[in-house]
Amino acid sequence: FHGMRDATIQDRADSVMEQFGLTAEAAKKAQDLSGGFRRRVQV
């Protein structure tokens, strides 16, 4: 939505998920996460 190219997005998503402790949750739908983990996704 913010105009980033696909080649950049995947690597950055991996890096950000690792920073926020979300790597193990990567394939889960947000509706299945706790409120705290949803907040991590937002931030």
All heavy atoms as atom14 arrays in JSON, in Angstrom:
{
  "sequence": "FHGMRDATIQDRADSVMEQFGLTAEAAKKAQDLSGGFRRRVQV",
  "atom14_mask": [
    [1, 1, 1, 1, 1, 1, 1, 1, 1, 1, 1, 0, 0, 0],
    [1, 1, 1, 1, 1, 1, 1, 1, 1, 1, 0, 0, 0, 0],
    [1, 1, 1, 1, 0, 0, 0, 0, 0, 0, 0, 0, 0, 0],
    [1, 1, 1, 1, 1, 1, 1, 1, 0, 0, 0, 0, 0, 0],
    [1, 1, 1, 1, 1, 1, 1, 1, 1, 1, 1, 0, 0, 0],
    [1, 1, 1, 1, 1, 1, 1, 1, 0, 0, 0, 0, 0, 0],
    [1, 1, 1, 1, 1, 0, 0, 0, 0, 0, 0, 0, 0, 0],
    [1, 1, 1, 1, 1, 1, 1, 0, 0, 0, 0, 0, 0, 0],
    [1, 1, 1, 1, 1, 1, 1, 1, 0, 0, 0, 0, 0, 0],
    [1, 1, 1, 1, 1, 1, 1, 1, 1, 0, 0, 0, 0, 0],
    [1, 1, 1, 1, 1, 1, 1, 1, 0, 0, 0, 0, 0, 0],
    [1, 1, 1, 1, 1, 1, 1, 1, 1, 1, 1, 0, 0, 0],
    [1, 1, 1, 1, 1, 0, 0, 0, 0, 0, 0, 0, 0, 0],
    [1, 1, 1, 1, 1, 1, 1, 1, 0, 0, 0, 0, 0, 0],
    [1, 1, 1, 1, 1, 1, 0, 0, 0, 0, 0, 0, 0, 0],
    [1, 1, 1, 1, 1, 1, 1, 0, 0, 0, 0, 0, 0, 0],
    [1, 1, 1, 1, 1, 1, 1, 1, 0, 0, 0, 0, 0, 0],
    [1, 1, 1, 1, 1, 1, 1, 1, 1, 0, 0, 0, 0, 0],
    [1, 1, 1, 1, 1, 1, 1, 1, 1, 0, 0, 0, 0, 0],
    [1, 1, 1, 1, 1, 1, 1, 1, 1, 1, 1, 0, 0, 0],
    [1, 1, 1, 1, 0, 0, 0, 0, 0, 0, 0, 0, 0, 0],
    [1, 1, 1, 1, 1, 1, 1, 1, 0, 0, 0, 0, 0, 0],
    [1, 1, 1, 1, 1, 1, 1, 0, 0, 0, 0, 0, 0, 0],
    [1, 1, 1, 1, 1, 0, 0, 0, 0, 0, 0, 0, 0, 0],
    [1, 1, 1, 1, 1, 1, 1, 1, 1, 0, 0, 0, 0, 0],
    [1, 1, 1, 1, 1, 0, 0, 0, 0, 0, 0, 0, 0, 0],
    [1, 1, 1, 1, 1, 0, 0, 0, 0, 0, 0, 0, 0, 0],
    [1, 1, 1, 1, 1, 1, 1, 1, 1, 0, 0, 0, 0, 0],
    [1, 1, 1, 1, 1, 1, 1, 1, 1, 0, 0, 0, 0, 0],
    [1, 1, 1, 1, 1, 0, 0, 0, 0, 0, 0, 0, 0, 0],
    [1, 1, 1, 1, 1, 1, 1, 1, 1, 0, 0, 0, 0, 0],
    [1, 1, 1, 1, 1, 1, 1, 1, 0, 0, 0, 0, 0, 0],
    [1, 1, 1, 1, 1, 1, 1, 1, 0, 0, 0, 0, 0, 0],
    [1, 1, 1, 1, 1, 1, 0, 0, 0, 0, 0, 0, 0, 0],
    [1, 1, 1, 1, 0, 0, 0, 0, 0, 0, 0, 0, 0, 0],
    [1, 1, 1, 1, 0, 0, 0, 0, 0, 0, 0, 0, 0, 0],
    [1, 1, 1, 1, 1, 1, 1, 1, 1, 1, 1, 0, 0, 0],
    [1, 1, 1, 1, 1, 1, 1, 1, 1, 1, 1, 0, 0, 0],
    [1, 1, 1, 1, 1, 1, 1, 1, 1, 1, 1, 0, 0, 0],
    [1, 1, 1, 1, 1, 1, 1, 1, 1, 1, 1, 0, 0, 0],
    [1, 1, 1, 1, 1, 1, 1, 0, 0, 0, 0, 0, 0, 0],
    [1, 1, 1, 1, 1, 1, 1, 1, 1, 0, 0, 0, 0, 0],
    [1, 1, 1, 1, 1, 1, 1, 0, 0, 0, 0, 0, 0, 0]
  ],
  "atom14_positions": [
    [[0.83, -1.21, 0.0], [0.0, 0.0, 0.0], [0.86, 1.26, 0.0], [0.45, 2.31, -0.5], [-0.92, 0.02, 1.22], [-2.14, -0.84, 1.09], [-2.69, -1.48, 2.2], [-2.76, -1.03, -0.13], [-3.81, -2.27, 2.09], [-3.89, -1.83, -0.26], [-4.42, -2.45, 0.86], [0.0, 0.0, 0.0], [0.0, 0.0, 0.0], [0.0, 0.0, 0.0]],
    [[2.06, 1.14, 0.58], [2.96, 2.28, 0.64], [3.96, 2.3, -0.53], [4.93, 3.04, -0.49], [3.71, 2.29, 1.98], [2.88, 2.84, 3.12], [2.91, 4.16, 3.48], [1.99, 2.23, 3.94], [2.08, 4.35, 4.5], [1.51, 3.2, 4.79], [0.0, 0.0, 0.0], [0.0, 0.0, 0.0], [0.0, 0.0, 0.0], [0.0, 0.0, 0.0]],
    [[3.72, 1.46, -1.53], [4.49, 1.55, -2.75], [5.8, 0.8, -2.77], [6.61, 0.99, -3.69], [0.0, 0.0, 0.0], [0.0, 0.0, 0.0], [0.0, 0.0, 0.0], [0.0, 0.0, 0.0], [0.0, 0.0, 0.0], [0.0, 0.0, 0.0], [0.0, 0.0, 0.0], [0.0, 0.0, 0.0], [0.0, 0.0, 0.0], [0.0, 0.0, 0.0]],
    [[6.05, -0.09, -1.8], [7.3, -0.85, -1.81], [7.26, -1.94, -2.88], [6.21, -2.5, -3.19], [7.55, -1.48, -0.43], [8.0, -0.49, 0.62], [8.37, -1.33, 2.19], [9.75, -2.39, 1.7], [0.0, 0.0, 0.0], [0.0, 0.0, 0.0], [0.0, 0.0, 0.0], [0.0, 0.0, 0.0], [0.0, 0.0, 0.0], [0.0, 0.0, 0.0]],
    [[8.44, -2.28, -3.41], [8.55, -3.32, -4.45], [8.68, -4.7, -3.79], [9.27, -4.84, -2.72], [9.76, -3.05, -5.35], [9.66, -1.76, -6.13], [10.8, -1.67, -7.15], [12.09, -1.74, -6.5], [12.74, -0.67, -6.04], [12.19, 0.53, -6.13], [13.92, -0.8, -5.47], [0.0, 0.0, 0.0], [0.0, 0.0, 0.0], [0.0, 0.0, 0.0]],
    [[8.16, -5.72, -4.48], [8.15, -7.08, -3.93], [9.54, -7.58, -3.56], [9.71, -8.3, -2.57], [7.52, -8.05, -4.93], [6.01, -7.92, -4.98], [5.46, -7.25, -4.08], [5.39, -8.47, -5.91], [0.0, 0.0, 0.0], [0.0, 0.0, 0.0], [0.0, 0.0, 0.0], [0.0, 0.0, 0.0], [0.0, 0.0, 0.0], [0.0, 0.0, 0.0]],
    [[10.55, -7.21, -4.33], [11.92, -7.7, -4.07], [12.41, -7.25, -2.69], [13.2, -7.94, -2.05], [12.86, -7.2, -5.16], [0.0, 0.0, 0.0], [0.0, 0.0, 0.0], [0.0, 0.0, 0.0], [0.0, 0.0, 0.0], [0.0, 0.0, 0.0], [0.0, 0.0, 0.0], [0.0, 0.0, 0.0], [0.0, 0.0, 0.0], [0.0, 0.0, 0.0]],
    [[11.94, -6.11, -2.24], [12.37, -5.57, -0.96], [11.5, -6.05, 0.18], [11.98, -6.25, 1.31], [12.33, -4.02, -1.0], [13.03, -3.57, -2.15], [12.94, -3.41, 0.25], [0.0, 0.0, 0.0], [0.0, 0.0, 0.0], [0.0, 0.0, 0.0], [0.0, 0.0, 0.0], [0.0, 0.0, 0.0], [0.0, 0.0, 0.0], [0.0, 0.0, 0.0]],
    [[10.22, -6.27, -0.11], [9.25, -6.52, 0.94], [9.55, -7.81, 1.72], [9.5, -7.83, 2.95], [7.83, -6.6, 0.35], [7.4, -5.22, -0.15], [6.84, -7.1, 1.38], [6.07, -5.22, -0.86], [0.0, 0.0, 0.0], [0.0, 0.0, 0.0], [0.0, 0.0, 0.0], [0.0, 0.0, 0.0], [0.0, 0.0, 0.0], [0.0, 0.0, 0.0]],
    [[9.85, -8.9, 1.01], [10.01, -10.19, 1.68], [11.14, -10.16, 2.7], [10.96, -10.62, 3.84], [10.28, -11.29, 0.63], [9.15, -11.52, -0.35], [7.93, -12.16, 0.3], [8.0, -12.69, 1.39], [6.8, -12.1, -0.38], [0.0, 0.0, 0.0], [0.0, 0.0, 0.0], [0.0, 0.0, 0.0], [0.0, 0.0, 0.0], [0.0, 0.0, 0.0]],
    [[12.28, -9.61, 2.3], [13.42, -9.55, 3.23], [13.1, -8.67, 4.44], [13.45, -9.0, 5.58], [14.66, -9.02, 2.5], [15.23, -10.02, 1.51], [14.87, -11.21, 1.62], [16.01, -9.61, 0.63], [0.0, 0.0, 0.0], [0.0, 0.0, 0.0], [0.0, 0.0, 0.0], [0.0, 0.0, 0.0], [0.0, 0.0, 0.0], [0.0, 0.0, 0.0]],
    [[12.44, -7.55, 4.18], [12.13, -6.66, 5.3], [11.11, -7.31, 6.23], [11.22, -7.18, 7.46], [11.62, -5.31, 4.81], [11.37, -4.33, 5.95], [11.12, -2.92, 5.51], [12.3, -2.28, 4.97], [12.44, -0.96, 4.82], [11.46, -0.15, 5.18], [13.53, -0.46, 4.31], [0.0, 0.0, 0.0], [0.0, 0.0, 0.0], [0.0, 0.0, 0.0]],
    [[10.13, -8.0, 5.68], [9.15, -8.68, 6.52], [9.81, -9.71, 7.43], [9.49, -9.81, 8.62], [8.08, -9.34, 5.66], [0.0, 0.0, 0.0], [0.0, 0.0, 0.0], [0.0, 0.0, 0.0], [0.0, 0.0, 0.0], [0.0, 0.0, 0.0], [0.0, 0.0, 0.0], [0.0, 0.0, 0.0], [0.0, 0.0, 0.0], [0.0, 0.0, 0.0]],
    [[10.77, -10.47, 6.87], [11.49, -11.46, 7.68], [12.25, -10.78, 8.82], [12.23, -11.24, 9.97], [12.48, -12.24, 6.81], [11.79, -13.22, 5.88], [10.63, -13.59, 6.16], [12.4, -13.6, 4.85], [0.0, 0.0, 0.0], [0.0, 0.0, 0.0], [0.0, 0.0, 0.0], [0.0, 0.0, 0.0], [0.0, 0.0, 0.0], [0.0, 0.0, 0.0]],
    [[12.91, -9.67, 8.5], [13.69, -8.95, 9.5], [12.79, -8.37, 10.59], [13.08, -8.49, 11.79], [14.48, -7.82, 8.83], [15.13, -7.02, 9.79], [0.0, 0.0, 0.0], [0.0, 0.0, 0.0], [0.0, 0.0, 0.0], [0.0, 0.0, 0.0], [0.0, 0.0, 0.0], [0.0, 0.0, 0.0], [0.0, 0.0, 0.0], [0.0, 0.0, 0.0]],
    [[11.67, -7.77, 10.19], [10.76, -7.15, 11.16], [10.11, -8.2, 12.04], [9.97, -8.01, 13.26], [9.7, -6.29, 10.42], [8.58, -5.88, 11.37], [10.35, -5.06, 9.8], [0.0, 0.0, 0.0], [0.0, 0.0, 0.0], [0.0, 0.0, 0.0], [0.0, 0.0, 0.0], [0.0, 0.0, 0.0], [0.0, 0.0, 0.0], [0.0, 0.0, 0.0]],
    [[9.7, -9.32, 11.47], [9.1, -10.37, 12.29], [10.09, -10.9, 13.32], [9.7, -11.2, 14.45], [8.59, -11.5, 11.38], [7.3, -11.15, 10.65], [6.51, -12.56, 9.82], [7.75, -12.97, 8.56], [0.0, 0.0, 0.0], [0.0, 0.0, 0.0], [0.0, 0.0, 0.0], [0.0, 0.0, 0.0], [0.0, 0.0, 0.0], [0.0, 0.0, 0.0]],
    [[11.35, -11.02, 12.93], [12.35, -11.46, 13.9], [12.51, -10.45, 15.02], [12.59, -10.81, 16.2], [13.69, -11.69, 13.2], [14.76, -12.25, 14.13], [16.04, -12.59, 13.39], [16.06, -12.52, 12.14], [17.04, -12.91, 14.07], [0.0, 0.0, 0.0], [0.0, 0.0, 0.0], [0.0, 0.0, 0.0], [0.0, 0.0, 0.0], [0.0, 0.0, 0.0]],
    [[12.54, -9.15, 14.68], [12.68, -8.1, 15.69], [11.54, -8.11, 16.68], [11.73, -7.84, 17.88], [12.74, -6.72, 15.01], [14.05, -6.45, 14.29], [14.0, -5.13, 13.53], [12.97, -4.78, 12.95], [15.09, -4.39, 13.55], [0.0, 0.0, 0.0], [0.0, 0.0, 0.0], [0.0, 0.0, 0.0], [0.0, 0.0, 0.0], [0.0, 0.0, 0.0]],
    [[10.33, -8.45, 16.22], [9.15, -8.39, 17.07], [8.72, -9.75, 17.61], [7.64, -9.87, 18.18], [7.99, -7.75, 16.3], [8.05, -6.25, 16.26], [8.88, -5.61, 15.36], [7.32, -5.48, 17.15], [8.96, -4.23, 15.33], [7.39, -4.12, 17.14], [8.22, -3.47, 16.22], [0.0, 0.0, 0.0], [0.0, 0.0, 0.0], [0.0, 0.0, 0.0]],
    [[9.55, -10.76, 17.45], [9.22, -12.07, 17.98], [8.0, -12.68, 17.33], [7.2, -13.37, 17.98], [0.0, 0.0, 0.0], [0.0, 0.0, 0.0], [0.0, 0.0, 0.0], [0.0, 0.0, 0.0], [0.0, 0.0, 0.0], [0.0, 0.0, 0.0], [0.0, 0.0, 0.0], [0.0, 0.0, 0.0], [0.0, 0.0, 0.0], [0.0, 0.0, 0.0]],
    [[7.84, -12.44, 16.02], [6.65, -12.89, 15.3], [6.95, -14.0, 14.29], [6.03, -14.48, 13.61], [6.02, -11.72, 14.55], [5.35, -10.65, 15.42], [5.06, -9.4, 14.59], [4.07, -11.18, 16.04], [0.0, 0.0, 0.0], [0.0, 0.0, 0.0], [0.0, 0.0, 0.0], [0.0, 0.0, 0.0], [0.0, 0.0, 0.0], [0.0, 0.0, 0.0]],
    [[8.19, -14.43, 14.19], [8.56, -15.41, 13.16], [7.76, -16.7, 13.3], [7.25, -17.25, 12.3], [10.06, -15.71, 13.24], [10.8, -14.49, 13.08], [10.47, -16.68, 12.14], [0.0, 0.0, 0.0], [0.0, 0.0, 0.0], [0.0, 0.0, 0.0], [0.0, 0.0, 0.0], [0.0, 0.0, 0.0], [0.0, 0.0, 0.0], [0.0, 0.0, 0.0]],
    [[7.58, -17.17, 14.52], [6.84, -18.41, 14.73], [5.35, -18.24, 14.44], [4.63, -19.23, 14.22], [7.03, -18.9, 16.17], [0.0, 0.0, 0.0], [0.0, 0.0, 0.0], [0.0, 0.0, 0.0], [0.0, 0.0, 0.0], [0.0, 0.0, 0.0], [0.0, 0.0, 0.0], [0.0, 0.0, 0.0], [0.0, 0.0, 0.0], [0.0, 0.0, 0.0]],
    [[4.88, -17.01, 14.41], [3.47, -16.74, 14.17], [3.2, -16.31, 12.72], [2.08, -15.93, 12.39], [2.97, -15.61, 15.1], [3.52, -15.62, 16.51], [3.08, -16.84, 17.28], [1.95, -17.3, 17.04], [3.88, -17.34, 18.11], [0.0, 0.0, 0.0], [0.0, 0.0, 0.0], [0.0, 0.0, 0.0], [0.0, 0.0, 0.0], [0.0, 0.0, 0.0]],
    [[4.21, -16.35, 11.87], [4.13, -15.75, 10.54], [2.93, -16.24, 9.73], [2.31, -15.45, 9.0], [5.41, -16.02, 9.76], [0.0, 0.0, 0.0], [0.0, 0.0, 0.0], [0.0, 0.0, 0.0], [0.0, 0.0, 0.0], [0.0, 0.0, 0.0], [0.0, 0.0, 0.0], [0.0, 0.0, 0.0], [0.0, 0.0, 0.0], [0.0, 0.0, 0.0]],
    [[2.58, -17.51, 9.84], [1.5, -18.07, 9.01], [0.13, -17.99, 9.68], [-0.89, -18.31, 9.06], [1.81, -19.52, 8.67], [0.0, 0.0, 0.0], [0.0, 0.0, 0.0], [0.0, 0.0, 0.0], [0.0, 0.0, 0.0], [0.0, 0.0, 0.0], [0.0, 0.0, 0.0], [0.0, 0.0, 0.0], [0.0, 0.0, 0.0], [0.0, 0.0, 0.0]],
    [[0.09, -17.55, 10.93], [-1.2, -17.48, 11.63], [-1.98, -16.25, 11.21], [-1.42, -15.18, 10.98], [-0.96, -17.42, 13.14], [-0.45, -18.7, 13.75], [-0.34, -18.56, 15.27], [0.19, -19.85, 15.91], [0.31, -19.7, 17.38], [0.0, 0.0, 0.0], [0.0, 0.0, 0.0], [0.0, 0.0, 0.0], [0.0, 0.0, 0.0], [0.0, 0.0, 0.0]],
    [[-3.3, -16.42, 11.13], [-4.16, -15.26, 10.88], [-4.18, -14.37, 12.12], [-4.13, -14.86, 13.25], [-5.58, -15.7, 10.53], [-5.71, -16.38, 9.18], [-7.15, -16.74, 8.89], [-7.29, -17.4, 7.51], [-8.7, -17.77, 7.22], [0.0, 0.0, 0.0], [0.0, 0.0, 0.0], [0.0, 0.0, 0.0], [0.0, 0.0, 0.0], [0.0, 0.0, 0.0]],
    [[-4.3, -13.07, 11.89], [-4.31, -12.13, 13.01], [-5.46, -12.41, 13.97], [-5.33, -12.2, 15.17], [-4.4, -10.7, 12.48], [0.0, 0.0, 0.0], [0.0, 0.0, 0.0], [0.0, 0.0, 0.0], [0.0, 0.0, 0.0], [0.0, 0.0, 0.0], [0.0, 0.0, 0.0], [0.0, 0.0, 0.0], [0.0, 0.0, 0.0], [0.0, 0.0, 0.0]],
    [[-6.59, -12.91, 13.45], [-7.73, -13.17, 14.32], [-7.45, -14.29, 15.33], [-8.14, -14.41, 16.35], [-8.96, -13.55, 13.49], [-8.85, -14.87, 12.76], [-10.12, -15.23, 12.0], [-11.1, -14.48, 12.03], [-10.12, -16.36, 11.32], [0.0, 0.0, 0.0], [0.0, 0.0, 0.0], [0.0, 0.0, 0.0], [0.0, 0.0, 0.0], [0.0, 0.0, 0.0]],
    [[-6.43, -15.1, 15.05], [-6.09, -16.2, 15.94], [-5.01, -15.83, 16.95], [-4.59, -16.68, 17.75], [-5.63, -17.41, 15.12], [-6.73, -17.94, 14.21], [-7.91, -17.86, 14.61], [-6.41, -18.41, 13.09], [0.0, 0.0, 0.0], [0.0, 0.0, 0.0], [0.0, 0.0, 0.0], [0.0, 0.0, 0.0], [0.0, 0.0, 0.0], [0.0, 0.0, 0.0]],
    [[-4.56, -14.6, 16.93], [-3.52, -14.14, 17.84], [-4.13, -13.54, 19.1], [-5.26, -13.06, 19.09], [-2.63, -13.1, 17.17], [-1.89, -13.5, 15.9], [-1.18, -12.29, 15.32], [-0.9, -14.64, 16.18], [0.0, 0.0, 0.0], [0.0, 0.0, 0.0], [0.0, 0.0, 0.0], [0.0, 0.0, 0.0], [0.0, 0.0, 0.0], [0.0, 0.0, 0.0]],
    [[-3.36, -13.52, 20.18], [-3.78, -12.81, 21.39], [-3.74, -11.31, 21.12], [-3.14, -10.84, 20.13], [-2.84, -13.14, 22.55], [-1.55, -12.62, 22.29], [0.0, 0.0, 0.0], [0.0, 0.0, 0.0], [0.0, 0.0, 0.0], [0.0, 0.0, 0.0], [0.0, 0.0, 0.0], [0.0, 0.0, 0.0], [0.0, 0.0, 0.0], [0.0, 0.0, 0.0]],
    [[-4.36, -10.54, 21.99], [-4.36, -9.09, 21.84], [-2.96, -8.51, 21.82], [-2.66, -7.59, 21.04], [0.0, 0.0, 0.0], [0.0, 0.0, 0.0], [0.0, 0.0, 0.0], [0.0, 0.0, 0.0], [0.0, 0.0, 0.0], [0.0, 0.0, 0.0], [0.0, 0.0, 0.0], [0.0, 0.0, 0.0], [0.0, 0.0, 0.0], [0.0, 0.0, 0.0]],
    [[-2.08, -9.06, 22.66], [-0.7, -8.57, 22.7], [0.05, -8.82, 21.4], [0.78, -7.95, 20.91], [0.0, 0.0, 0.0], [0.0, 0.0, 0.0], [0.0, 0.0, 0.0], [0.0, 0.0, 0.0], [0.0, 0.0, 0.0], [0.0, 0.0, 0.0], [0.0, 0.0, 0.0], [0.0, 0.0, 0.0], [0.0, 0.0, 0.0], [0.0, 0.0, 0.0]],
    [[-0.16, -10.01, 20.79], [0.51, -10.31, 19.53], [-0.07, -9.5, 18.38], [0.65, -9.09, 17.47], [0.44, -11.81, 19.23], [1.59, -12.59, 19.81], [1.48, -13.2, 21.04], [2.79, -12.67, 19.13], [2.55, -13.91, 21.58], [3.87, -13.36, 19.66], [3.74, -13.99, 20.89], [0.0, 0.0, 0.0], [0.0, 0.0, 0.0], [0.0, 0.0, 0.0]],
    [[-1.37, -9.22, 18.43], [-1.94, -8.35, 17.4], [-1.31, -6.96, 17.48], [-1.05, -6.32, 16.45], [-3.45, -8.21, 17.58], [-4.24, -9.42, 17.15], [-5.73, -9.11, 17.2], [-6.54, -10.31, 17.24], [-7.84, -10.33, 17.43], [-8.49, -9.19, 17.6], [-8.51, -11.47, 17.44], [0.0, 0.0, 0.0], [0.0, 0.0, 0.0], [0.0, 0.0, 0.0]],
    [[-1.08, -6.51, 18.71], [-0.45, -5.2, 18.87], [0.95, -5.21, 18.29], [1.39, -4.23, 17.68], [-0.4, -4.85, 20.36], [-0.05, -3.39, 20.64], [-1.08, -2.49, 20.04], [-0.86, -1.1, 20.4], [-1.51, -0.1, 19.84], [-2.41, -0.33, 18.92], [-1.27, 1.14, 20.2], [0.0, 0.0, 0.0], [0.0, 0.0, 0.0], [0.0, 0.0, 0.0]],
    [[1.66, -6.3, 18.45], [3.0, -6.4, 17.86], [2.93, -6.24, 16.34], [3.76, -5.56, 15.74], [3.63, -7.76, 18.19], [3.97, -7.97, 19.64], [4.78, -9.24, 19.81], [4.91, -9.62, 21.21], [5.79, -10.49, 21.66], [6.62, -11.07, 20.81], [5.85, -10.79, 22.93], [0.0, 0.0, 0.0], [0.0, 0.0, 0.0], [0.0, 0.0, 0.0]],
    [[1.94, -6.88, 15.74], [1.78, -6.78, 14.28], [1.55, -5.34, 13.88], [2.13, -4.84, 12.92], [0.62, -7.69, 13.8], [0.38, -7.47, 12.31], [0.94, -9.15, 14.08], [0.0, 0.0, 0.0], [0.0, 0.0, 0.0], [0.0, 0.0, 0.0], [0.0, 0.0, 0.0], [0.0, 0.0, 0.0], [0.0, 0.0, 0.0], [0.0, 0.0, 0.0]],
    [[0.68, -4.65, 14.62], [0.4, -3.25, 14.31], [1.66, -2.4, 14.35], [1.95, -1.63, 13.44], [-0.62, -2.7, 15.3], [-2.02, -3.23, 15.14], [-2.91, -2.67, 16.22], [-2.95, -3.2, 17.33], [-3.62, -1.61, 15.91], [0.0, 0.0, 0.0], [0.0, 0.0, 0.0], [0.0, 0.0, 0.0], [0.0, 0.0, 0.0], [0.0, 0.0, 0.0]],
    [[2.39, -2.52, 15.46], [3.59, -1.67, 15.63], [4.67, -2.08, 14.64], [5.43, -1.24, 14.15], [4.09, -1.74, 17.08], [5.35, -0.88, 17.26], [3.01, -1.26, 18.04], [0.0, 0.0, 0.0], [0.0, 0.0, 0.0], [0.0, 0.0, 0.0], [0.0, 0.0, 0.0], [0.0, 0.0, 0.0], [0.0, 0.0, 0.0], [0.0, 0.0, 0.0]]
  ]
}
